[in-house]
Amino acid sequence: MVHLFDGAGNTLWTRQFGTSDWDTPRAVADDGRGHLYITGCTRGAFDGFTNAGSDDAFVSQLLGRGREPLAHSRLLIRLTRQAR
């Protein structure tokens, strides 16, 4: 869940996203134009995507005011573990 607060601590908007499985956000960054980028890992599948197996990395973009882009809002990348 992502919240944006004003200087007085009032919530301007809230956006919740994720899968029905295990999701872990790792970092959030803004681009100075009001867009946020959230990265993390998931064992689930976001709408329109298929889990590639085990843990997949994701990058999700939120436009200003918490809006999602109309298309390609998430990039899923399969994480592989090498045997040692």
N, C-alpha and C. Protein backbone atom coordinates (compact mmCIF):
# COMPACT_ATOMS: atom_id res chain seq x y z
N MET A 1 0.85 -1.15 0.00
CA MET A 1 0.00 0.00 0.00
C MET A 1 0.90 1.23 0.00
N VAL A 2 0.56 2.20 -0.84
CA VAL A 2 1.32 3.43 -0.95
C VAL A 2 0.40 4.59 -0.57
N HIS A 3 0.87 5.45 0.32
CA HIS A 3 0.11 6.62 0.74
C HIS A 3 0.91 7.87 0.40
N LEU A 4 0.23 8.93 0.00
CA LEU A 4 0.86 10.24 -0.15
C LEU A 4 0.20 11.17 0.85
N PHE A 5 1.04 11.82 1.66
CA PHE A 5 0.56 12.73 2.70
C PHE A 5 0.96 14.16 2.36
N ASP A 6 0.15 15.13 2.81
CA ASP A 6 0.56 16.53 2.67
C ASP A 6 1.40 16.92 3.88
N GLY A 7 1.83 18.17 3.93
CA GLY A 7 2.70 18.63 5.01
C GLY A 7 2.07 18.55 6.39
N ALA A 8 0.75 18.55 6.47
CA ALA A 8 0.03 18.46 7.74
C ALA A 8 -0.25 17.03 8.15
N GLY A 9 0.16 16.06 7.31
CA GLY A 9 -0.07 14.65 7.64
C GLY A 9 -1.39 14.10 7.14
N ASN A 10 -2.12 14.87 6.35
CA ASN A 10 -3.38 14.40 5.79
C ASN A 10 -3.11 13.52 4.57
N THR A 11 -3.87 12.45 4.43
CA THR A 11 -3.71 11.56 3.28
C THR A 11 -4.29 12.22 2.04
N LEU A 12 -3.45 12.34 1.00
CA LEU A 12 -3.91 12.88 -0.28
C LEU A 12 -4.44 11.76 -1.17
N TRP A 13 -3.77 10.61 -1.16
CA TRP A 13 -4.26 9.44 -1.88
C TRP A 13 -3.60 8.19 -1.34
N THR A 14 -4.27 7.07 -1.58
CA THR A 14 -3.78 5.74 -1.18
C THR A 14 -3.96 4.81 -2.37
N ARG A 15 -2.96 3.99 -2.61
CA ARG A 15 -3.06 3.02 -3.71
C ARG A 15 -2.58 1.67 -3.19
N GLN A 16 -3.39 0.65 -3.33
CA GLN A 16 -3.01 -0.70 -2.93
C GLN A 16 -2.94 -1.57 -4.17
N PHE A 17 -1.87 -2.34 -4.27
CA PHE A 17 -1.75 -3.29 -5.37
C PHE A 17 -0.97 -4.48 -4.87
N GLY A 18 -1.04 -5.56 -5.61
CA GLY A 18 -0.32 -6.77 -5.24
C GLY A 18 -1.02 -7.99 -5.80
N THR A 19 -0.56 -9.13 -5.36
CA THR A 19 -1.14 -10.39 -5.80
C THR A 19 -1.79 -11.08 -4.61
N SER A 20 -2.38 -12.22 -4.85
CA SER A 20 -2.99 -12.98 -3.76
C SER A 20 -1.95 -13.85 -3.04
N ASP A 21 -0.71 -13.77 -3.49
CA ASP A 21 0.37 -14.55 -2.89
C ASP A 21 1.32 -13.62 -2.14
N TRP A 22 2.52 -14.07 -1.93
CA TRP A 22 3.54 -13.35 -1.18
C TRP A 22 4.14 -12.23 -2.03
N ASP A 23 4.09 -10.98 -1.54
CA ASP A 23 4.66 -9.82 -2.22
C ASP A 23 5.54 -9.06 -1.22
N THR A 24 6.70 -8.64 -1.65
CA THR A 24 7.59 -7.87 -0.80
C THR A 24 8.14 -6.67 -1.55
N PRO A 25 7.70 -5.45 -1.20
CA PRO A 25 8.30 -4.27 -1.82
C PRO A 25 9.70 -4.08 -1.26
N ARG A 26 10.62 -3.60 -2.09
CA ARG A 26 12.01 -3.41 -1.66
C ARG A 26 12.45 -1.96 -1.71
N ALA A 27 11.94 -1.18 -2.67
CA ALA A 27 12.37 0.22 -2.79
C ALA A 27 11.29 1.03 -3.48
N VAL A 28 11.27 2.32 -3.17
CA VAL A 28 10.37 3.27 -3.81
C VAL A 28 11.21 4.48 -4.20
N ALA A 29 10.99 4.97 -5.42
CA ALA A 29 11.70 6.16 -5.89
C ALA A 29 10.73 7.04 -6.66
N ASP A 30 11.00 8.36 -6.65
CA ASP A 30 10.19 9.25 -7.48
C ASP A 30 11.10 9.88 -8.54
N ASP A 31 10.49 10.32 -9.61
CA ASP A 31 11.26 10.88 -10.73
C ASP A 31 11.24 12.40 -10.75
N GLY A 32 10.73 13.03 -9.69
CA GLY A 32 10.69 14.47 -9.63
C GLY A 32 9.53 15.09 -10.39
N ARG A 33 8.75 14.27 -11.08
CA ARG A 33 7.58 14.74 -11.83
C ARG A 33 6.29 14.20 -11.22
N GLY A 34 6.39 13.63 -10.02
CA GLY A 34 5.20 13.10 -9.35
C GLY A 34 4.92 11.65 -9.63
N HIS A 35 5.81 10.97 -10.36
CA HIS A 35 5.63 9.55 -10.64
C HIS A 35 6.47 8.74 -9.67
N LEU A 36 5.90 7.65 -9.17
CA LEU A 36 6.61 6.75 -8.26
C LEU A 36 6.92 5.44 -8.95
N TYR A 37 8.03 4.84 -8.55
CA TYR A 37 8.43 3.52 -9.04
C TYR A 37 8.67 2.64 -7.82
N ILE A 38 8.00 1.49 -7.79
CA ILE A 38 8.12 0.56 -6.68
C ILE A 38 8.72 -0.73 -7.21
N THR A 39 9.74 -1.23 -6.54
CA THR A 39 10.35 -2.50 -6.93
C THR A 39 10.20 -3.50 -5.80
N GLY A 40 10.24 -4.77 -6.14
CA GLY A 40 10.15 -5.80 -5.13
C GLY A 40 10.10 -7.18 -5.74
N CYS A 41 9.66 -8.14 -4.94
CA CYS A 41 9.56 -9.54 -5.37
C CYS A 41 8.16 -10.06 -5.09
N THR A 42 7.73 -11.01 -5.89
CA THR A 42 6.42 -11.64 -5.68
C THR A 42 6.50 -13.12 -6.04
N ARG A 43 5.67 -13.89 -5.40
CA ARG A 43 5.49 -15.29 -5.79
C ARG A 43 4.16 -15.47 -6.51
N GLY A 44 3.42 -14.38 -6.64
CA GLY A 44 2.12 -14.41 -7.31
C GLY A 44 2.21 -13.91 -8.73
N ALA A 45 1.06 -13.56 -9.28
CA ALA A 45 0.98 -13.05 -10.66
C ALA A 45 0.09 -11.82 -10.67
N PHE A 46 0.65 -10.69 -11.09
CA PHE A 46 -0.13 -9.47 -11.24
C PHE A 46 -1.09 -9.64 -12.41
N ASP A 47 -2.15 -8.86 -12.41
CA ASP A 47 -3.13 -8.89 -13.51
C ASP A 47 -2.42 -8.72 -14.84
N GLY A 48 -2.70 -9.61 -15.77
CA GLY A 48 -2.11 -9.53 -17.10
C GLY A 48 -0.74 -10.18 -17.23
N PHE A 49 -0.22 -10.73 -16.14
CA PHE A 49 1.09 -11.37 -16.15
C PHE A 49 0.98 -12.78 -15.60
N THR A 50 1.92 -13.62 -15.96
CA THR A 50 2.03 -14.98 -15.42
C THR A 50 3.30 -15.07 -14.62
N ASN A 51 3.22 -15.66 -13.45
CA ASN A 51 4.43 -15.86 -12.64
C ASN A 51 5.36 -16.80 -13.38
N ALA A 52 6.62 -16.42 -13.49
CA ALA A 52 7.60 -17.22 -14.24
C ALA A 52 8.14 -18.37 -13.40
N GLY A 53 7.80 -18.43 -12.14
CA GLY A 53 8.24 -19.51 -11.29
C GLY A 53 9.00 -18.99 -10.09
N SER A 54 8.66 -19.48 -8.92
CA SER A 54 9.30 -19.08 -7.68
C SER A 54 9.16 -17.58 -7.48
N ASP A 55 10.27 -16.89 -7.22
CA ASP A 55 10.22 -15.45 -6.94
C ASP A 55 10.47 -14.65 -8.22
N ASP A 56 9.56 -13.75 -8.54
CA ASP A 56 9.72 -12.85 -9.67
C ASP A 56 9.92 -11.44 -9.13
N ALA A 57 10.81 -10.68 -9.76
CA ALA A 57 10.98 -9.27 -9.42
C ALA A 57 9.93 -8.47 -10.16
N PHE A 58 9.52 -7.35 -9.58
CA PHE A 58 8.58 -6.48 -10.29
C PHE A 58 9.02 -5.03 -10.16
N VAL A 59 8.66 -4.25 -11.15
CA VAL A 59 8.78 -2.80 -11.12
C VAL A 59 7.39 -2.28 -11.46
N SER A 60 6.83 -1.48 -10.58
CA SER A 60 5.50 -0.94 -10.80
C SER A 60 5.59 0.57 -10.82
N GLN A 61 4.87 1.21 -11.72
CA GLN A 61 4.88 2.65 -11.85
C GLN A 61 3.52 3.21 -11.44
N LEU A 62 3.53 4.26 -10.64
CA LEU A 62 2.33 5.01 -10.32
C LEU A 62 2.53 6.43 -10.81
N LEU A 63 1.56 6.91 -11.57
CA LEU A 63 1.62 8.29 -12.06
C LEU A 63 1.15 9.22 -10.95
N GLY A 64 1.24 10.51 -11.17
CA GLY A 64 0.79 11.48 -10.18
C GLY A 64 -0.59 11.18 -9.66
N ARG A 65 -0.82 11.45 -8.41
CA ARG A 65 -2.09 11.20 -7.71
C ARG A 65 -2.43 9.72 -7.60
N GLY A 66 -1.42 8.84 -7.77
CA GLY A 66 -1.65 7.41 -7.57
C GLY A 66 -2.26 6.68 -8.73
N ARG A 67 -2.38 7.35 -9.89
CA ARG A 67 -2.96 6.69 -11.07
C ARG A 67 -1.95 5.72 -11.67
N GLU A 68 -2.45 4.62 -12.17
CA GLU A 68 -1.60 3.66 -12.89
C GLU A 68 -1.64 3.98 -14.37
N PRO A 69 -0.52 3.77 -15.07
CA PRO A 69 -0.54 3.92 -16.53
C PRO A 69 -1.57 2.97 -17.13
N LEU A 70 -2.07 3.29 -18.30
CA LEU A 70 -3.09 2.45 -18.93
C LEU A 70 -2.55 1.09 -19.35
N ALA A 71 -1.27 1.00 -19.65
CA ALA A 71 -0.69 -0.27 -20.09
C ALA A 71 0.73 -0.39 -19.57
N HIS A 72 1.18 -1.61 -19.47
CA HIS A 72 2.57 -1.90 -19.08
C HIS A 72 2.96 -1.25 -17.77
N SER A 73 2.11 -1.37 -16.76
CA SER A 73 2.41 -0.75 -15.49
C SER A 73 3.37 -1.57 -14.65
N ARG A 74 3.58 -2.82 -15.04
CA ARG A 74 4.48 -3.66 -14.26
C ARG A 74 5.38 -4.48 -15.18
N LEU A 75 6.58 -4.68 -14.73
CA LEU A 75 7.55 -5.52 -15.43
C LEU A 75 7.92 -6.63 -14.47
N LEU A 76 7.75 -7.87 -14.90
CA LEU A 76 8.12 -9.01 -14.06
C LEU A 76 9.36 -9.67 -14.64
N ILE A 77 10.29 -9.99 -13.78
CA ILE A 77 11.54 -10.62 -14.18
C ILE A 77 11.75 -11.85 -13.31
N ARG A 78 12.06 -12.94 -13.94
CA ARG A 78 12.29 -14.18 -13.18
C ARG A 78 13.63 -14.10 -12.47
N LEU A 79 13.63 -14.41 -11.19
CA LEU A 79 14.87 -14.49 -10.42
C LEU A 79 15.31 -15.95 -10.39
N THR A 80 16.53 -16.19 -10.75
CA THR A 80 17.04 -17.56 -10.74
C THR A 80 18.07 -17.70 -9.64
N ARG A 81 18.11 -18.87 -9.07
CA ARG A 81 19.10 -19.17 -8.04
C ARG A 81 20.07 -20.18 -8.61
N GLN A 82 21.35 -19.86 -8.52
CA GLN A 82 22.38 -20.75 -9.03
C GLN A 82 22.81 -21.71 -7.94
N ALA A 83 22.98 -22.95 -8.33
CA ALA A 83 23.47 -23.97 -7.38
C ALA A 83 24.93 -23.67 -7.06
N ARG A 84 25.29 -23.83 -5.80
CA ARG A 84 26.68 -23.59 -5.38
C ARG A 84 27.30 -24.85 -4.90
